[in-house]
Amino acid sequence: MVRLFKHYIPHAVLLLGLFDLALLAASAELAWRIRAGQIGMIAGSPFARTEMLAVFIGVMLTAMISIGVYGSEALRSLRYAGARILVAVSLGIIGLSFVDWLMGGSHFWRSTLAYAMGLTILLLMANRLIVGGILGAHAFRRRVLVLGAGHRADRLRQLGERPESGFVIVGYIGMSDQRPVIEEAINRSAIHNLTRFVENLGVSEVVLALEERRNSLPLHDLLRIKTAGVHVNDFSSFIERETGRVDLDTVNPSWLIFSDGFSSGRAVSSVAKRMFDVLASMILLMLTLPVIGLFALLVKLDSRGPAFFRQTRVGLYGQPFALIKLRSMRVDAEKAGAQWASKDDPRITRIGRFIRKVRIDELPQAWSVLKGEMSFVGPRPERPEFVSDLEEQLPYYAERHMVKPGITGWAQINYPYGASIEDSRHKLEYDLYYAKNYTPFLDLLILLQTLRVVLWHDGAR
């Protein structure tokens, strides 16, 4: 994987994106030349249209990232990719039409955009048919050797067998005399020179998946392997990089302390984040005020009770604050006490079910963002009743409160709506990854991916 602004991007997805970038430029240029030929106009040099080509590529790539064209299934399903590309390109053309209107209406001709739309869809799908098949092959994956043959090694095996995986495991080495979970593992005693063994297999990374490190860590071998130019990684760091979450089953306080992350140099980023929150929340409230007003009226007409409801949530550093949302449940929804939401929850009203699916009920939270109690991006704020239980049952749960809660977040776009202790555990793993690796780039990626969640109803409940 390539690390960009502390966030990992799979090599295959990055390479696919670079091909797409070139094809987008080719589509825009070819569309212009087709239209110029039709009206008898000299097409001229592409360098004279550099600015317009850059705008076309930028808008299209933004739409594609937002819709999830480069998600975990980008190399798995052609049908999945086709649907995402069709929606993304359509939104991109609408966006370009709006940009053209802002710029005076003379830069992107409608006929040119129509040609560009067809060419873009055709070329991007061809890219996934031809290049996508190659990207999914083992030749484009990192070659990994696993030291260990127990349950951790088996978890790596399952992870590597996923179609979207960016690595292939070329071997397992049992480091103890215990019965291995991985039957094909080679015992360390059968390998005379581990460094040469790694070189012969063409390994690019060695991962420590030892169940017990005490007296089994081959420090001398690892040093020789490291100095030979092969990357050496521990299990928890490898899982974090490959899955975008912190694995609660294997991490310990020392790993969190000594691993990269939780940087103190966030002063500039925090100021920029706050400035964005203030500006974006003001714009969002002004633009959506009619929508909020309309659905507030519909909520009142649909069921008895107020249109809005306030609820205490836990914010930054564990401080409580009042969250405001459009009411989506009956007023007596919690007469028996606080409880998790469930699938097809009978407490949800008819209008409530719709506004939850399209996330309209979340819009009033922009007021909390404007006040500084929340951010647009961050862990989902939980209720104090749940937080006290979760802190007792889940390790490191309190650490998620070291960043402001958000309307959307890394956990929200990667995991379905959580409605149990187990769901909260999984979402906590993503929240810890966000708190550990926060950068403005990750925030931007989350904001773009939120559009995918809204359009495809991922995780709505």
Protein backbone atom coordinates (compact mmCIF):
# COMPACT_ATOMS: atom_id res chain seq x y z
CA MET A 1 0.00 0.00 0.00
CA VAL A 2 0.96 3.62 -0.51
CA ARG A 3 0.67 5.92 2.51
CA LEU A 4 -0.76 9.30 1.55
CA PHE A 5 -1.16 11.84 4.37
CA LYS A 6 -1.04 9.01 6.96
CA HIS A 7 -3.82 7.09 5.16
CA TYR A 8 -3.13 3.86 3.28
CA ILE A 9 -4.26 3.39 -0.33
CA PRO A 10 -3.96 -0.03 -2.01
CA HIS A 11 -1.48 -0.16 -4.89
CA ALA A 12 -4.09 -1.71 -7.19
CA VAL A 13 -6.65 1.03 -6.51
CA LEU A 14 -4.02 3.76 -6.92
CA LEU A 15 -2.87 2.29 -10.23
CA LEU A 16 -6.47 1.94 -11.41
CA GLY A 17 -7.03 5.60 -10.50
CA LEU A 18 -3.98 6.71 -12.49
CA PHE A 19 -5.26 4.86 -15.55
CA ASP A 20 -8.66 6.49 -15.03
CA LEU A 21 -7.04 9.93 -14.83
CA ALA A 22 -5.39 9.43 -18.22
CA LEU A 23 -8.63 8.08 -19.73
CA LEU A 24 -10.64 11.04 -18.41
CA ALA A 25 -8.21 13.42 -20.13
CA ALA A 26 -8.47 11.37 -23.33
CA SER A 27 -12.29 11.39 -23.18
CA ALA A 28 -12.50 15.16 -22.76
CA GLU A 29 -9.98 15.83 -25.53
CA LEU A 30 -11.55 13.34 -27.93
CA ALA A 31 -15.04 14.76 -27.28
CA TRP A 32 -13.77 18.25 -28.10
CA ARG A 33 -12.13 17.08 -31.34
CA ILE A 34 -15.25 15.19 -32.44
CA ARG A 35 -17.42 18.26 -31.97
CA ALA A 36 -14.85 20.57 -33.56
CA GLY A 37 -14.73 18.31 -36.61
CA GLN A 38 -18.52 18.34 -36.92
CA ILE A 39 -18.72 22.14 -37.08
CA GLY A 40 -15.59 22.59 -39.20
CA MET A 41 -13.57 24.18 -36.43
CA ILE A 42 -9.81 23.77 -35.93
CA ALA A 43 -9.36 21.72 -32.75
CA GLY A 44 -6.02 23.27 -31.83
CA SER A 45 -3.49 22.05 -29.28
CA PRO A 46 -4.60 20.30 -26.06
CA PHE A 47 -2.23 22.59 -24.14
CA ALA A 48 -4.55 25.49 -24.97
CA ARG A 49 -7.30 23.67 -23.03
CA THR A 50 -5.22 22.64 -20.01
CA GLU A 51 -7.43 24.53 -17.56
CA MET A 52 -10.65 23.04 -18.89
CA LEU A 53 -9.17 19.53 -18.99
CA ALA A 54 -8.04 19.93 -15.37
CA VAL A 55 -11.54 21.04 -14.31
CA PHE A 56 -13.12 18.10 -16.18
CA ILE A 57 -10.76 15.57 -14.57
CA GLY A 58 -11.09 17.12 -11.10
CA VAL A 59 -14.91 17.14 -11.12
CA MET A 60 -15.12 13.61 -12.52
CA LEU A 61 -12.60 12.13 -10.07
CA THR A 62 -14.38 13.83 -7.17
CA ALA A 63 -17.69 12.34 -8.26
CA MET A 64 -16.13 8.89 -8.69
CA ILE A 65 -14.53 8.93 -5.25
CA SER A 66 -17.80 10.16 -3.72
CA ILE A 67 -19.87 7.38 -5.28
CA GLY A 68 -17.45 4.64 -4.24
CA VAL A 69 -15.91 3.73 -7.60
CA TYR A 70 -12.64 3.06 -5.75
CA GLY A 71 -14.19 1.22 -2.81
CA SER A 72 -13.23 -2.23 -1.57
CA GLU A 73 -15.24 -3.85 -4.37
CA ALA A 74 -13.59 -1.79 -7.13
CA LEU A 75 -11.81 -4.88 -8.48
CA ARG A 76 -14.35 -7.48 -7.42
CA SER A 77 -17.54 -6.96 -9.45
CA LEU A 78 -17.90 -5.51 -12.94
CA ARG A 79 -21.62 -5.02 -12.30
CA TYR A 80 -20.84 -3.07 -9.12
CA ALA A 81 -18.25 -0.96 -10.94
CA GLY A 82 -20.59 -0.29 -13.87
CA ALA A 83 -23.42 0.98 -11.69
CA ARG A 84 -21.08 3.26 -9.71
CA ILE A 85 -19.42 4.60 -12.85
CA LEU A 86 -22.77 5.38 -14.49
CA VAL A 87 -23.99 7.34 -11.47
CA ALA A 88 -20.63 9.05 -10.91
CA VAL A 89 -20.25 10.19 -14.52
CA SER A 90 -23.85 11.44 -14.59
CA LEU A 91 -23.27 13.46 -11.42
CA GLY A 92 -19.96 14.69 -12.84
CA ILE A 93 -21.68 15.98 -16.01
CA ILE A 94 -24.29 17.76 -13.88
CA GLY A 95 -21.48 19.27 -11.82
CA LEU A 96 -19.63 20.42 -14.95
CA SER A 97 -22.82 22.02 -16.28
CA PHE A 98 -23.09 23.95 -13.01
CA VAL A 99 -19.42 24.98 -13.23
CA ASP A 100 -19.99 26.11 -16.80
CA TRP A 101 -22.94 28.24 -15.66
CA LEU A 102 -20.80 29.84 -12.96
CA MET A 103 -18.08 30.58 -15.51
CA GLY A 104 -20.41 32.26 -17.99
CA GLY A 105 -21.72 29.29 -19.96
CA SER A 106 -19.14 29.22 -22.76
CA HIS A 107 -16.50 26.72 -21.64
CA PHE A 108 -18.24 23.30 -21.63
CA TRP A 109 -20.62 22.94 -24.58
CA ARG A 110 -23.58 20.65 -24.01
CA SER A 111 -22.75 18.65 -27.13
CA THR A 112 -19.16 18.22 -25.97
CA LEU A 113 -20.30 17.10 -22.51
CA ALA A 114 -22.66 14.56 -24.11
CA TYR A 115 -19.82 13.06 -26.15
CA ALA A 116 -17.50 13.15 -23.13
CA MET A 117 -20.09 11.35 -21.01
CA GLY A 118 -20.42 8.46 -23.46
CA LEU A 119 -16.68 8.19 -24.06
CA THR A 120 -15.89 8.33 -20.33
CA ILE A 121 -18.29 5.51 -19.48
CA LEU A 122 -16.98 3.42 -22.38
CA LEU A 123 -13.29 3.92 -21.58
CA LEU A 124 -13.62 3.49 -17.81
CA MET A 125 -15.55 0.24 -18.25
CA ALA A 126 -12.94 -0.98 -20.76
CA ASN A 127 -10.28 -0.12 -18.19
CA ARG A 128 -11.97 -2.37 -15.66
CA LEU A 129 -12.46 -5.17 -18.17
CA ILE A 130 -8.88 -5.17 -19.45
CA VAL A 131 -6.69 -3.63 -16.75
CA GLY A 132 -8.89 -4.66 -13.82
CA GLY A 133 -8.28 -8.31 -14.59
CA ILE A 134 -4.53 -7.72 -14.49
CA LEU A 135 -4.71 -5.65 -11.30
CA GLY A 136 -6.46 -8.49 -9.56
CA ALA A 137 -3.67 -10.90 -10.41
CA HIS A 138 -0.99 -11.86 -7.92
CA ALA A 139 1.68 -10.10 -10.01
CA PHE A 140 0.39 -6.76 -8.73
CA ARG A 141 0.21 -7.82 -5.08
CA ARG A 142 2.89 -7.61 -2.41
CA ARG A 143 4.50 -10.94 -1.57
CA VAL A 144 4.18 -11.56 2.16
CA LEU A 145 5.85 -14.18 4.35
CA VAL A 146 4.11 -14.90 7.66
CA LEU A 147 6.11 -15.86 10.74
CA GLY A 148 3.62 -17.89 12.70
CA ALA A 149 1.19 -20.72 12.04
CA GLY A 150 -1.51 -20.17 14.66
CA HIS A 151 -4.83 -18.33 14.74
CA ARG A 152 -3.29 -14.97 13.88
CA ALA A 153 -1.68 -16.47 10.79
CA ASP A 154 -5.06 -17.95 9.87
CA ARG A 155 -6.65 -14.50 10.11
CA LEU A 156 -4.02 -13.20 7.68
CA ARG A 157 -4.76 -16.09 5.35
CA GLN A 158 -8.47 -15.18 5.30
CA LEU A 159 -7.63 -11.52 4.73
CA GLY A 160 -5.29 -12.36 1.85
CA GLU A 161 -7.92 -14.51 0.14
CA ARG A 162 -10.26 -11.55 -0.34
CA PRO A 163 -10.49 -10.51 -4.03
CA GLU A 164 -9.66 -6.88 -3.18
CA SER A 165 -6.61 -7.84 -1.12
CA GLY A 166 -3.37 -6.07 -2.02
CA PHE A 167 -1.06 -8.90 -0.94
CA VAL A 168 -0.50 -12.61 -1.44
CA ILE A 169 0.95 -14.87 1.24
CA VAL A 170 3.79 -16.94 -0.20
CA GLY A 171 4.49 -18.99 2.91
CA TYR A 172 4.01 -19.60 6.64
CA ILE A 173 6.77 -20.47 9.08
CA GLY A 174 5.93 -22.17 12.36
CA MET A 175 8.06 -20.66 15.11
CA SER A 176 7.18 -23.15 17.85
CA ASP A 177 6.64 -26.87 18.27
CA GLN A 178 2.91 -26.48 18.94
CA ARG A 179 0.42 -28.04 16.51
CA PRO A 180 -0.05 -25.47 13.71
CA VAL A 181 -3.44 -24.14 12.62
CA ILE A 182 -1.94 -23.64 9.15
CA GLU A 183 -1.16 -27.19 8.08
CA GLU A 184 1.14 -26.20 5.20
CA ALA A 185 3.38 -24.14 7.48
CA ILE A 186 7.12 -24.95 7.44
CA ASN A 187 8.77 -25.36 10.82
CA ARG A 188 11.57 -22.89 11.52
CA SER A 189 13.98 -25.74 12.29
CA ALA A 190 13.67 -26.95 8.68
CA ILE A 191 15.05 -23.67 7.29
CA HIS A 192 18.82 -23.32 7.52
CA ASN A 193 19.06 -19.66 6.49
CA LEU A 194 15.87 -17.59 6.91
CA THR A 195 17.31 -14.53 5.15
CA ARG A 196 18.19 -16.55 2.05
CA PHE A 197 14.79 -18.27 2.21
CA VAL A 198 13.11 -14.84 2.11
CA GLU A 199 15.26 -13.75 -0.83
CA ASN A 200 14.55 -16.93 -2.81
CA LEU A 201 10.79 -16.43 -2.45
CA GLY A 202 11.00 -12.81 -3.58
CA VAL A 203 9.32 -11.63 -0.38
CA SER A 204 8.64 -7.90 -0.08
CA GLU A 205 7.30 -8.00 3.50
CA VAL A 206 7.55 -10.23 6.56
CA VAL A 207 4.69 -10.14 9.08
CA LEU A 208 5.03 -11.34 12.67
CA ALA A 209 1.91 -13.33 13.55
CA LEU A 210 3.23 -15.00 16.69
CA GLU A 211 0.75 -16.08 19.35
CA GLU A 212 3.40 -15.66 22.02
CA ARG A 213 6.54 -13.59 21.43
CA ARG A 214 8.35 -14.58 24.59
CA ASN A 215 11.46 -16.61 23.67
CA SER A 216 10.21 -17.03 20.07
CA LEU A 217 11.10 -13.70 18.48
CA PRO A 218 13.96 -14.31 16.00
CA LEU A 219 15.67 -10.94 16.48
CA HIS A 220 18.89 -11.88 14.66
CA ASP A 221 16.98 -13.17 11.62
CA LEU A 222 14.67 -10.15 11.58
CA LEU A 223 17.61 -7.77 11.70
CA ARG A 224 19.26 -9.51 8.73
CA ILE A 225 15.97 -9.48 6.80
CA LYS A 226 15.41 -5.80 7.58
CA THR A 227 18.91 -4.77 6.51
CA ALA A 228 18.42 -6.75 3.29
CA GLY A 229 15.68 -4.28 2.34
CA VAL A 230 12.63 -6.38 3.21
CA HIS A 231 9.93 -4.61 5.24
CA VAL A 232 9.20 -6.20 8.64
CA ASN A 233 5.82 -5.53 10.26
CA ASP A 234 3.97 -6.68 13.37
CA PHE A 235 0.50 -8.20 13.21
CA SER A 236 -1.48 -5.26 14.64
CA SER A 237 0.15 -2.66 12.37
CA PHE A 238 -0.37 -4.88 9.33
CA ILE A 239 -4.06 -5.36 10.15
CA GLU A 240 -4.48 -1.61 10.70
CA ARG A 241 -2.94 -0.83 7.32
CA GLU A 242 -4.85 -3.46 5.36
CA THR A 243 -8.30 -2.98 6.91
CA GLY A 244 -8.39 0.68 7.98
CA ARG A 245 -9.18 -0.19 11.59
CA VAL A 246 -7.40 -0.89 14.88
CA ASP A 247 -7.74 -4.56 15.83
CA LEU A 248 -8.97 -4.65 19.44
CA ASP A 249 -8.25 -8.38 19.78
CA THR A 250 -4.48 -7.92 19.50
CA VAL A 251 -3.52 -4.33 20.40
CA ASN A 252 -2.16 -3.40 23.81
CA PRO A 253 -1.33 -0.06 25.45
CA SER A 254 2.33 -0.25 24.46
CA TRP A 255 1.42 -0.65 20.78
CA LEU A 256 -0.85 2.40 20.93
CA ILE A 257 1.87 4.38 22.70
CA PHE A 258 4.80 3.51 20.45
CA SER A 259 3.10 3.11 17.07
CA ASP A 260 2.79 6.01 14.67
CA GLY A 261 -0.27 8.18 15.27
CA PHE A 262 -2.01 10.50 17.71
CA SER A 263 0.38 13.22 16.49
CA SER A 264 0.67 16.35 18.60
CA GLY A 265 1.38 18.47 15.51
CA ARG A 266 -2.28 19.01 14.75
CA ALA A 267 -2.61 22.68 15.70
CA VAL A 268 -2.76 23.95 12.11
CA SER A 269 -5.01 21.06 11.05
CA SER A 270 -7.37 21.71 13.99
CA VAL A 271 -7.67 25.39 13.11
CA ALA A 272 -8.35 24.54 9.46
CA LYS A 273 -10.89 21.91 10.52
CA ARG A 274 -12.72 24.42 12.74
CA MET A 275 -12.75 27.08 10.01
CA PHE A 276 -14.21 24.55 7.58
CA ASP A 277 -16.82 23.45 10.13
CA VAL A 278 -18.00 27.02 10.75
CA LEU A 279 -18.17 27.96 7.07
CA ALA A 280 -19.72 24.67 5.91
CA SER A 281 -22.31 24.54 8.72
CA MET A 282 -23.45 28.11 7.98
CA ILE A 283 -23.81 27.33 4.27
CA LEU A 284 -25.54 24.00 4.95
CA LEU A 285 -28.03 25.56 7.37
CA MET A 286 -28.88 28.35 4.92
CA LEU A 287 -29.30 25.97 1.97
CA THR A 288 -31.28 23.29 3.82
CA LEU A 289 -33.48 25.51 6.00
CA PRO A 290 -36.46 25.07 3.61
CA VAL A 291 -35.91 21.29 3.59
CA ILE A 292 -35.69 21.15 7.40
CA GLY A 293 -38.82 23.32 7.68
CA LEU A 294 -40.77 21.16 5.22
CA PHE A 295 -39.93 17.88 6.91
CA ALA A 296 -40.47 19.38 10.36
CA LEU A 297 -44.04 20.10 9.22
CA LEU A 298 -44.42 16.57 7.80
CA VAL A 299 -43.13 15.05 11.06
CA LYS A 300 -45.74 17.06 13.00
CA LEU A 301 -48.52 15.97 10.66
CA ASP A 302 -47.41 12.34 10.63
CA SER A 303 -47.34 11.67 14.37
CA ARG A 304 -48.05 13.25 17.73
CA GLY A 305 -45.23 15.20 19.33
CA PRO A 306 -42.65 17.89 18.52
CA ALA A 307 -40.90 18.07 15.14
CA PHE A 308 -37.46 18.23 16.77
CA PHE A 309 -36.05 16.40 19.74
CA ARG A 310 -33.08 17.07 21.98
CA GLN A 311 -30.99 14.29 23.40
CA THR A 312 -27.89 14.36 25.60
CA ARG A 313 -24.81 12.93 23.93
CA VAL A 314 -21.17 12.57 24.97
CA GLY A 315 -18.77 14.90 23.17
CA LEU A 316 -15.12 15.92 23.25
CA TYR A 317 -13.25 14.76 26.39
CA GLY A 318 -16.44 13.09 27.62
CA GLN A 319 -18.35 16.36 28.04
CA PRO A 320 -22.14 16.11 27.52
CA PHE A 321 -24.00 18.30 25.04
CA ALA A 322 -27.54 18.54 23.64
CA LEU A 323 -27.96 17.04 20.18
CA ILE A 324 -30.81 18.32 17.98
CA LYS A 325 -32.36 16.15 15.26
CA LEU A 326 -35.63 15.85 13.39
CA ARG A 327 -37.79 13.39 15.32
CA SER A 328 -38.01 10.02 13.57
CA MET A 329 -39.54 7.94 16.41
CA ARG A 330 -42.73 8.04 18.41
CA VAL A 331 -42.66 10.29 21.48
CA ASP A 332 -43.06 7.23 23.74
CA ALA A 333 -40.23 5.33 22.02
CA GLU A 334 -38.21 5.03 25.23
CA LYS A 335 -40.83 4.82 27.91
CA ALA A 336 -39.15 1.58 29.00
CA GLY A 337 -35.71 3.25 29.05
CA ALA A 338 -32.85 3.78 26.62
CA GLN A 339 -32.44 1.01 24.05
CA TRP A 340 -30.60 0.33 20.80
CA ALA A 341 -32.30 0.95 17.46
CA SER A 342 -33.01 -2.25 15.52
CA LYS A 343 -33.74 -3.27 11.97
CA ASP A 344 -37.35 -2.45 11.03
CA ASP A 345 -37.70 -0.79 14.44
CA PRO A 346 -41.47 -0.48 15.18
CA ARG A 347 -40.84 2.77 17.09
CA ILE A 348 -39.89 4.59 13.88
CA THR A 349 -42.66 6.62 12.24
CA ARG A 350 -43.53 6.54 8.53
CA ILE A 351 -41.83 9.87 7.81
CA GLY A 352 -39.07 8.91 10.24
CA ARG A 353 -38.16 5.86 8.18
CA PHE A 354 -37.70 8.00 5.07
CA ILE A 355 -35.71 10.81 6.68
CA ARG A 356 -33.40 8.26 8.32
CA LYS A 357 -32.70 6.58 4.98
CA VAL A 358 -31.74 9.81 3.24
CA ARG A 359 -30.17 11.27 6.42
CA ILE A 360 -32.43 14.35 6.47
CA ASP A 361 -32.93 13.86 10.22
CA GLU A 362 -29.21 14.62 10.65
CA LEU A 363 -29.35 18.11 9.08
CA PRO A 364 -30.18 20.05 12.30
CA GLN A 365 -26.90 18.73 13.75
CA ALA A 366 -25.18 21.42 11.67
CA TRP A 367 -26.23 23.78 14.49
CA SER A 368 -24.13 21.73 16.95
CA VAL A 369 -21.24 21.93 14.48
CA LEU A 370 -21.60 25.71 14.26
CA LYS A 371 -21.53 25.97 18.07
CA GLY A 372 -18.35 23.89 18.21
CA GLU A 373 -19.84 20.92 20.08
CA MET A 374 -19.46 18.68 17.02
CA SER A 375 -17.52 18.54 13.79
CA PHE A 376 -18.68 17.42 10.36
CA VAL A 377 -16.29 14.46 10.59
CA GLY A 378 -15.66 12.42 13.73
CA PRO A 379 -16.92 9.44 15.77
CA ARG A 380 -20.67 9.18 16.18
CA PRO A 381 -21.71 10.79 19.50
CA GLU A 382 -23.26 8.23 21.85
CA ARG A 383 -25.68 8.58 24.73
CA PRO A 384 -24.29 8.68 28.30
CA GLU A 385 -26.36 5.61 29.24
CA PHE A 386 -24.63 3.57 26.56
CA VAL A 387 -21.17 5.11 27.03
CA SER A 388 -20.90 4.00 30.66
CA ASP A 389 -21.63 0.38 29.68
CA LEU A 390 -19.42 0.47 26.60
CA GLU A 391 -16.43 1.84 28.54
CA GLU A 392 -16.72 -1.10 30.94
CA GLN A 393 -17.03 -3.73 28.20
CA LEU A 394 -14.81 -2.38 25.41
CA PRO A 395 -11.12 -1.56 25.87
CA TYR A 396 -9.97 1.93 24.81
CA TYR A 397 -13.54 3.15 24.30
CA ALA A 398 -12.78 6.38 26.16
CA GLU A 399 -10.04 7.20 23.62
CA ARG A 400 -12.63 7.87 20.93
CA HIS A 401 -13.66 10.96 22.93
CA MET A 402 -10.25 12.55 22.34
CA VAL A 403 -11.62 13.97 19.07
CA LYS A 404 -14.88 15.84 18.49
CA PRO A 405 -17.87 13.71 17.52
CA GLY A 406 -19.11 14.14 13.96
CA ILE A 407 -22.17 13.97 11.74
CA THR A 408 -20.29 11.52 9.54
CA GLY A 409 -17.12 9.56 10.20
CA TRP A 410 -14.74 6.77 9.23
CA ALA A 411 -16.83 4.20 11.08
CA GLN A 412 -20.10 5.45 9.57
CA ILE A 413 -18.90 5.00 5.98
CA ASN A 414 -17.17 1.65 6.59
CA TYR A 415 -19.57 -0.21 8.86
CA PRO A 416 -23.38 -0.49 8.92
CA TYR A 417 -25.38 1.21 11.63
CA GLY A 418 -24.38 -0.24 15.01
CA ALA A 419 -27.15 -1.41 17.33
CA SER A 420 -25.39 -3.75 19.78
CA ILE A 421 -22.28 -4.13 21.88
CA GLU A 422 -20.65 -6.19 19.11
CA ASP A 423 -21.48 -3.55 16.50
CA SER A 424 -20.07 -0.87 18.81
CA ARG A 425 -16.88 -2.89 19.12
CA HIS A 426 -16.42 -3.01 15.35
CA LYS A 427 -17.20 0.70 14.98
CA LEU A 428 -14.77 1.50 17.79
CA GLU A 429 -11.99 -0.13 15.76
CA TYR A 430 -12.69 2.34 12.93
CA ASP A 431 -13.06 5.27 15.34
CA LEU A 432 -9.67 4.52 16.88
CA TYR A 433 -8.13 4.39 13.40
CA TYR A 434 -9.58 7.84 12.69
CA ALA A 435 -8.42 9.30 16.01
CA LYS A 436 -4.97 7.80 15.48
CA ASN A 437 -4.50 8.79 11.83
CA TYR A 438 -6.54 11.99 11.50
CA THR A 439 -5.51 14.41 8.74
CA PRO A 440 -7.51 16.90 6.64
CA PHE A 441 -7.03 14.49 3.71
CA LEU A 442 -8.83 11.73 5.63
CA ASP A 443 -11.62 14.17 6.49
CA LEU A 444 -12.01 15.07 2.82
CA LEU A 445 -12.10 11.40 1.85
CA ILE A 446 -14.80 10.71 4.45
CA LEU A 447 -16.92 13.68 3.33
CA LEU A 448 -16.75 12.51 -0.28
CA GLN A 449 -17.58 8.92 0.65
CA THR A 450 -20.57 10.09 2.70
CA LEU A 451 -22.34 10.88 -0.57
CA ARG A 452 -22.05 7.19 -1.46
CA VAL A 453 -23.64 6.23 1.86
CA VAL A 454 -26.53 8.65 1.31
CA LEU A 455 -27.17 7.66 -2.32
CA TRP A 456 -26.91 3.91 -1.79
CA HIS A 457 -28.44 3.86 1.72
CA ASP A 458 -25.41 2.04 3.13
CA GLY A 459 -25.88 1.47 6.83
CA ALA A 460 -29.07 3.52 7.21
CA ARG A 461 -31.36 2.41 10.01
